[in-house]
Protein backbone atom coordinates (compact mmCIF):
# COMPACT_ATOMS: atom_id res chain seq x y z
CA MET A 1 3.64 -34.61 18.10
CA ARG A 2 5.84 -31.49 18.08
CA ASP A 3 4.82 -28.34 19.93
CA PHE A 4 2.73 -25.80 18.04
CA GLY A 5 2.59 -22.13 19.02
CA LEU A 6 0.58 -19.06 18.03
CA TYR A 7 2.06 -15.56 18.01
CA ILE A 8 -0.42 -12.65 17.89
CA HIS A 9 1.03 -9.24 17.06
CA ILE A 10 -0.65 -6.18 18.56
CA PRO A 11 1.25 -3.23 17.03
CA PHE A 12 -0.45 -0.34 18.84
CA CYS A 13 1.43 1.78 21.40
CA VAL A 14 0.85 4.99 23.33
CA GLN A 15 4.03 6.31 21.70
CA ILE A 16 7.00 4.84 19.84
CA CYS A 17 10.07 4.25 22.01
CA PRO A 18 13.24 5.78 20.48
CA TYR A 19 15.09 2.43 20.50
CA CYS A 20 12.27 0.30 19.09
CA ALA A 21 12.59 -1.23 15.61
CA PHE A 22 9.57 -3.52 15.87
CA THR A 23 6.49 -2.87 13.75
CA SER A 24 4.43 -0.53 15.91
CA VAL A 25 1.81 2.17 15.52
CA ALA A 26 1.24 5.13 17.86
CA GLY A 27 -2.37 6.03 18.61
CA ARG A 28 -5.00 4.99 16.01
CA GLU A 29 -7.46 3.89 18.72
CA GLU A 30 -10.27 4.06 16.17
CA LEU A 31 -8.75 1.02 14.44
CA TYR A 32 -8.65 -1.32 17.45
CA GLY A 33 -11.96 -3.02 16.64
CA ARG A 34 -11.16 -3.41 12.93
CA TYR A 35 -7.77 -4.85 13.78
CA VAL A 36 -9.24 -7.47 16.10
CA GLU A 37 -11.75 -8.50 13.42
CA ALA A 38 -8.93 -8.74 10.87
CA ILE A 39 -6.87 -10.98 13.14
CA CYS A 40 -9.90 -13.20 13.79
CA ALA A 41 -10.42 -13.49 10.02
CA GLU A 42 -6.76 -14.44 9.56
CA ILE A 43 -7.09 -17.09 12.29
CA ARG A 44 -10.20 -18.55 10.66
CA THR A 45 -8.43 -18.78 7.31
CA ALA A 46 -5.42 -20.47 8.90
CA GLY A 47 -7.70 -22.87 10.75
CA ARG A 48 -9.29 -24.00 7.48
CA ARG A 49 -5.91 -25.20 6.16
CA GLY A 50 -6.38 -28.43 8.07
CA ASP A 51 -3.73 -28.37 10.83
CA ARG A 52 -5.71 -29.56 13.85
CA ARG A 53 -2.95 -29.60 16.46
CA ALA A 54 -3.89 -28.01 19.77
CA LEU A 55 -1.91 -24.91 20.70
CA ASP A 56 0.82 -25.50 23.28
CA THR A 57 1.66 -21.80 23.56
CA VAL A 58 0.02 -18.49 22.70
CA PHE A 59 1.95 -15.22 22.84
CA PHE A 60 0.40 -11.74 22.61
CA GLY A 61 3.35 -9.54 21.58
CA GLY A 62 3.79 -6.06 20.27
CA GLY A 63 3.70 -3.21 20.23
CA THR A 64 1.78 -3.05 23.48
CA PRO A 65 -0.89 -5.77 23.78
CA SER A 66 -1.94 -4.41 27.18
CA ILE A 67 -3.15 -1.24 25.48
CA PHE A 68 -6.22 -3.28 24.45
CA ALA A 69 -9.11 -3.95 26.80
CA PRO A 70 -9.18 -7.60 27.95
CA ASP A 71 -12.39 -8.32 26.03
CA LEU A 72 -10.68 -7.45 22.71
CA LEU A 73 -7.85 -9.87 23.36
CA GLY A 74 -10.40 -12.37 24.65
CA ARG A 75 -12.17 -12.34 21.28
CA ILE A 76 -8.91 -13.23 19.55
CA LEU A 77 -8.09 -16.00 22.01
CA LYS A 78 -11.61 -17.42 21.75
CA GLU A 79 -11.29 -17.56 17.94
CA ALA A 80 -7.96 -19.35 18.24
CA GLU A 81 -9.42 -21.85 20.69
CA SER A 82 -12.34 -22.51 18.34
CA GLN A 83 -9.94 -23.34 15.49
CA TRP A 84 -7.30 -25.38 17.30
CA GLY A 85 -8.10 -25.66 20.98
CA LEU A 86 -5.56 -25.23 23.76
CA ALA A 87 -3.44 -28.17 24.89
CA ALA A 88 -3.62 -29.12 28.55
CA GLY A 89 -1.36 -26.76 30.50
CA ALA A 90 -0.93 -24.40 27.54
CA GLU A 91 1.16 -21.29 28.20
CA VAL A 92 -0.66 -18.06 27.29
CA THR A 93 1.59 -14.99 27.55
CA ILE A 94 0.71 -11.32 27.32
CA GLU A 95 3.25 -8.52 27.10
CA ALA A 96 2.32 -5.50 29.19
CA ASN A 97 3.59 -1.96 29.62
CA PRO A 98 3.26 -0.77 33.26
CA GLY A 99 1.88 2.53 31.98
CA THR A 100 -1.14 0.90 30.31
CA VAL A 101 -2.44 -1.38 33.07
CA ASP A 102 -4.30 -1.31 36.35
CA GLN A 103 -5.67 -3.90 38.76
CA GLU A 104 -8.89 -4.33 36.79
CA LYS A 105 -7.04 -4.91 33.52
CA PHE A 106 -4.76 -7.51 35.06
CA ARG A 107 -7.78 -9.34 36.46
CA GLY A 108 -9.37 -9.16 33.02
CA PHE A 109 -6.30 -10.64 31.33
CA ARG A 110 -6.32 -13.50 33.82
CA ALA A 111 -10.06 -14.02 33.27
CA ILE A 112 -9.70 -14.48 29.50
CA GLY A 113 -7.02 -17.13 30.00
CA CYS A 114 -3.63 -15.37 30.09
CA ASN A 115 -1.49 -17.24 32.62
CA ARG A 116 1.93 -15.70 31.97
CA LEU A 117 2.84 -12.00 32.03
CA SER A 118 5.85 -10.36 30.39
CA LEU A 119 6.19 -6.94 32.02
CA GLY A 120 8.21 -4.30 30.15
CA VAL A 121 9.88 -2.65 33.15
CA GLN A 122 13.17 -1.84 31.32
CA SER A 123 14.52 0.33 34.17
CA PHE A 124 13.97 1.35 37.80
CA LEU A 125 15.20 4.93 37.37
CA ASP A 126 12.87 7.65 36.12
CA GLU A 127 15.60 9.49 34.19
CA VAL A 128 16.51 6.29 32.35
CA LEU A 129 12.86 5.56 31.58
CA ALA A 130 12.54 9.09 30.17
CA PHE A 131 15.62 8.54 27.97
CA LEU A 132 14.08 5.28 26.73
CA GLY A 133 10.80 7.04 25.94
CA ARG A 134 8.76 4.86 28.29
CA VAL A 135 5.34 6.08 29.44
CA HIS A 136 5.67 4.71 32.98
CA SER A 137 7.68 5.68 36.05
CA ALA A 138 9.82 3.47 38.27
CA GLU A 139 7.07 3.58 40.90
CA GLU A 140 4.48 2.47 38.33
CA ALA A 141 6.76 -0.38 37.26
CA GLU A 142 6.90 -1.79 40.78
CA LYS A 143 3.20 -1.15 41.35
CA GLY A 144 2.39 -2.91 38.09
CA TYR A 145 4.34 -5.96 39.19
CA LEU A 146 2.57 -6.07 42.57
CA MET A 147 -0.85 -5.57 40.96
CA ALA A 148 -0.18 -8.46 38.60
CA ARG A 149 0.64 -10.67 41.55
CA ALA A 150 -2.54 -9.59 43.34
CA ALA A 151 -4.55 -10.36 40.19
CA GLY A 152 -3.32 -13.95 40.24
CA PHE A 153 -0.34 -14.00 37.87
CA ASP A 154 2.04 -16.57 39.33
CA ASN A 155 4.31 -16.66 36.27
CA VAL A 156 5.78 -13.22 35.62
CA SER A 157 8.69 -12.24 33.38
CA MET A 158 10.40 -8.87 33.64
CA ASP A 159 12.26 -7.10 30.80
CA LEU A 160 15.33 -5.02 31.68
CA ILE A 161 17.72 -3.06 29.45
CA PHE A 162 21.42 -2.54 30.17
CA SER A 163 24.33 -0.61 28.60
CA ILE A 164 22.33 2.61 28.49
CA PRO A 165 24.46 5.74 27.87
CA GLN A 166 24.98 8.29 30.63
CA VAL A 167 23.50 6.30 33.52
CA PRO A 168 24.83 6.66 37.07
CA ALA A 169 27.73 4.43 38.13
CA GLY A 170 26.52 1.17 39.62
CA TYR A 171 23.10 1.50 38.02
CA TRP A 172 23.01 -1.97 36.45
CA GLN A 173 23.87 -3.70 39.73
CA PHE A 174 21.14 -1.64 41.41
CA ALA A 175 18.58 -2.63 38.76
CA LEU A 176 19.42 -6.33 39.03
CA GLU A 177 19.16 -6.26 42.82
CA TRP A 178 15.79 -4.48 42.67
CA ALA A 179 14.45 -6.99 40.17
CA ALA A 180 15.71 -9.98 42.15
CA GLU A 181 14.15 -8.61 45.34
CA LEU A 182 10.76 -8.44 43.62
CA GLY A 183 11.27 -12.06 42.57
CA PRO A 184 9.81 -12.63 39.09
CA GLU A 185 9.96 -16.16 37.72
CA HIS A 186 11.78 -14.96 34.61
CA ILE A 187 14.03 -12.04 33.66
CA SER A 188 14.99 -10.97 30.14
CA ALA A 189 18.06 -8.72 30.14
CA TYR A 190 18.81 -6.99 26.85
CA SER A 191 21.73 -4.83 25.83
CA LEU A 192 20.49 -1.56 24.34
CA THR A 193 20.82 -2.09 20.60
CA ILE A 194 20.68 0.95 18.37
CA GLU A 195 18.74 -0.18 15.30
CA GLU A 196 18.77 1.59 11.95
CA GLY A 197 15.80 3.89 11.43
CA THR A 198 15.16 4.54 15.13
CA ALA A 199 15.34 7.87 16.95
CA LEU A 200 18.43 6.69 18.84
CA ALA A 201 20.16 5.84 15.56
CA ARG A 202 19.50 9.37 14.35
CA GLY A 203 20.94 10.73 17.60
CA LEU A 204 24.06 8.63 17.06
CA GLN A 205 24.44 9.98 13.53
CA ARG A 206 24.07 13.58 14.77
CA GLY A 207 26.65 13.01 17.49
CA SER A 208 24.21 13.79 20.31
CA LEU A 209 24.43 10.21 21.57
CA VAL A 210 27.53 8.19 22.42
CA GLN A 211 27.17 4.41 22.41
CA ILE A 212 28.54 2.23 25.20
CA GLU A 213 31.90 0.60 24.40
CA GLU A 214 31.86 -3.13 23.66
CA GLU A 215 34.06 -3.92 26.68
CA GLU A 216 31.67 -2.18 29.08
CA ASP A 217 28.72 -3.88 27.40
CA ALA A 218 30.40 -7.28 27.88
CA GLN A 219 31.02 -6.48 31.55
CA ASN A 220 27.35 -5.61 32.01
CA PHE A 221 26.35 -8.90 30.37
CA GLU A 222 28.70 -10.88 32.62
CA LEU A 223 27.41 -9.04 35.70
CA ALA A 224 23.83 -9.98 34.83
CA SER A 225 24.74 -13.62 34.28
CA GLU A 226 26.81 -13.99 37.44
CA PHE A 227 24.35 -12.13 39.66
CA LEU A 228 21.15 -13.78 38.43
CA VAL A 229 22.64 -17.28 38.42
CA GLY A 230 23.74 -16.57 41.99
CA GLU A 231 20.12 -15.67 42.78
CA GLY A 232 18.91 -19.06 41.56
CA TYR A 233 18.02 -18.25 37.95
CA GLU A 234 19.00 -20.51 35.07
CA HIS A 235 20.83 -18.66 32.27
CA TYR A 236 19.17 -20.67 29.51
CA GLU A 237 19.48 -18.29 26.55
CA VAL A 238 21.80 -15.36 25.88
CA SER A 239 19.32 -12.76 27.16
CA ASN A 240 17.02 -14.90 29.29
CA PHE A 241 17.04 -16.19 32.86
CA ALA A 242 14.42 -18.37 34.53
CA ARG A 243 13.58 -20.05 37.79
CA PRO A 244 13.57 -23.86 37.45
CA GLY A 245 10.71 -24.92 35.18
CA ARG A 246 9.85 -21.32 34.22
CA ARG A 247 11.50 -20.85 30.85
CA SER A 248 9.43 -19.05 28.22
CA ARG A 249 7.98 -22.12 26.52
CA HIS A 250 6.87 -20.14 23.47
CA ASN A 251 10.25 -18.56 22.82
CA TRP A 252 12.09 -21.79 23.64
CA GLY A 253 10.03 -23.49 20.96
CA CYS A 254 10.98 -20.83 18.40
CA TRP A 255 14.67 -21.18 19.31
CA THR A 256 14.63 -24.99 19.07
CA GLY A 257 12.73 -25.51 15.82
CA ALA A 258 9.11 -25.88 16.94
CA GLU A 259 6.44 -24.77 14.47
CA TYR A 260 4.50 -21.58 15.09
CA LEU A 261 1.86 -19.55 13.34
CA GLY A 262 2.05 -15.76 13.42
CA VAL A 263 -1.01 -13.58 12.91
CA GLY A 264 -1.26 -9.82 12.82
CA LEU A 265 0.77 -7.03 11.28
CA SER A 266 4.29 -8.13 10.21
CA ALA A 267 3.91 -11.48 12.00
CA HIS A 268 6.13 -14.38 10.91
CA SER A 269 5.18 -18.07 10.72
CA PHE A 270 7.17 -21.29 10.46
CA VAL A 271 5.02 -24.26 9.43
CA ASP A 272 5.78 -27.34 7.28
CA GLY A 273 9.32 -26.19 6.51
CA ARG A 274 8.17 -22.82 5.19
CA ARG A 275 8.72 -19.39 6.69
CA SER A 276 6.23 -16.68 5.77
CA TRP A 277 5.64 -13.10 6.85
CA ASN A 278 2.81 -10.59 6.74
CA THR A 279 2.79 -7.06 5.39
CA ARG A 280 4.18 -4.32 7.64
CA ASP A 281 1.66 -1.73 6.44
CA LEU A 282 -1.37 -1.45 8.73
CA ASP A 283 -3.86 -0.16 6.17
CA THR A 284 -2.80 -2.84 3.67
CA TYR A 285 -3.17 -5.53 6.34
CA LEU A 286 -6.70 -4.43 7.24
CA LYS A 287 -7.92 -3.98 3.66
CA ARG A 288 -6.59 -7.32 2.47
CA LEU A 289 -8.33 -9.27 5.22
CA GLU A 290 -11.55 -7.28 4.89
CA ARG A 291 -11.82 -8.33 1.26
CA GLY A 292 -10.89 -11.95 2.00
CA ALA A 293 -7.31 -11.76 0.73
CA SER A 294 -4.15 -12.97 2.45
CA PRO A 295 -1.97 -10.48 4.35
CA CYS A 296 1.10 -12.62 3.54
CA GLU A 297 3.87 -10.58 1.93
CA GLY A 298 6.27 -13.42 1.14
CA GLU A 299 7.50 -16.88 2.00
CA GLU A 300 10.54 -19.09 1.63
CA VAL A 301 11.19 -22.82 1.80
CA ILE A 302 13.77 -23.67 4.44
CA GLY A 303 15.96 -26.35 2.86
CA PRO A 304 18.00 -28.87 4.87
CA VAL A 305 21.27 -26.91 4.77
CA THR A 306 19.58 -23.62 5.72
CA ALA A 307 17.69 -25.41 8.50
CA LEU A 308 20.97 -26.82 9.78
CA ARG A 309 22.65 -23.41 9.73
CA GLU A 310 19.74 -21.86 11.61
CA ARG A 311 19.78 -24.70 14.12
CA ILE A 312 23.45 -23.94 14.81
CA TRP A 313 22.96 -20.19 15.23
CA MET A 314 19.97 -20.64 17.52
CA GLY A 315 21.56 -23.51 19.42
CA LEU A 316 24.63 -21.42 20.17
CA ARG A 317 22.35 -18.90 21.88
CA THR A 318 20.96 -21.48 24.29
CA CYS A 319 22.24 -23.64 27.13
CA GLN A 320 21.35 -26.65 24.99
CA GLY A 321 24.16 -26.00 22.54
CA VAL A 322 24.59 -27.86 19.25
CA PHE A 323 25.27 -31.53 18.62
CA LEU A 324 25.91 -32.55 15.00
CA THR A 325 26.24 -35.96 13.37
CA GLU A 326 29.16 -36.64 11.03
CA SER A 327 26.72 -36.49 8.11
CA GLN A 328 25.56 -33.03 9.18
CA LYS A 329 29.15 -31.86 9.54
CA ASP A 330 29.89 -33.07 6.00
CA LYS A 331 27.03 -30.90 4.67
CA LEU A 332 28.68 -27.82 6.16
CA LYS A 333 32.21 -28.43 4.91
CA GLY A 334 33.25 -26.05 2.18
CA GLN A 335 30.82 -23.37 3.34
CA SER A 336 32.16 -20.10 4.64
CA ARG A 337 32.23 -19.71 8.41
CA PHE A 338 30.43 -22.96 9.24
CA GLY A 339 32.95 -24.98 7.25
CA GLU A 340 35.73 -23.26 9.18
CA PHE A 341 34.01 -24.14 12.46
CA VAL A 342 33.75 -27.81 11.44
CA GLU A 343 37.31 -28.06 10.15
CA GLY A 344 38.57 -26.31 13.28
CA GLY A 345 36.81 -28.85 15.50
CA LEU A 346 34.47 -26.24 16.99
CA LEU A 347 31.33 -28.03 15.76
């Protein structure tokens, strides 16, 4: 039986980071309880559809899931367990912002069943963190990591961002060395992408922000790969590095075609060859579920050719690569780009 994952979107944040294009909501603490009840209702509805596979992975993403008290997330996880159960050795990940956690919270997250932590460090320089709009300091980032270890997290991932404008020379090497010295099991290294509609995009349009040149960005990427591989990490996906046996199982499943259910605001699902997505409007999401309606905003059937194209794009991002049969290659001939790849012997 193929792996089955559950993604739970917690959109709430202390403030919106200027580079963030994910669906997120600043403040609105008065809605936390309603939101948890809405997610539980969505899980119950999904559970009644008849898929009884146990969950191999659960991922609390955001937003900032760690802004919630552990008992709120525990209610969601308990509802999911009651509908599907957790497979033996299931991976349960929570994303955390160092500015929203303390020792007690980390212990609480472990107590409800979270066994993997994704810590949004992003940088080890206070001026860079301020530019990125983060609510934590470099000292809090390191303290957060150490507190997580003390609370019993033995599978920790750390997010870092590179190609940030106007940083000191040698900064990226310094950040990589600091991260490697701390020794997380997993590191995600992302190039700063300026997405449409974000505060950074507006700064770029005004001319108050100058984006890093592609050549420098490529050099930063190569530095991360060479350094982290040299430190014993496997470069298993474009932006992701892991100690042996410590890949993100949830994300790996998404990249390699496993089925997953997404619940919460704007969450996406891929089940039975169909991709669906929820509304991005928080009030609409809450009201629909409170009256027993679906929060789904749309869906599409993923046909065989589309599935093959997606498999290629995702496979090219991973160390697994892409292997096609002659029949699959024939399906792609005559199509723009992919047909050229096939006819050129690249696929």
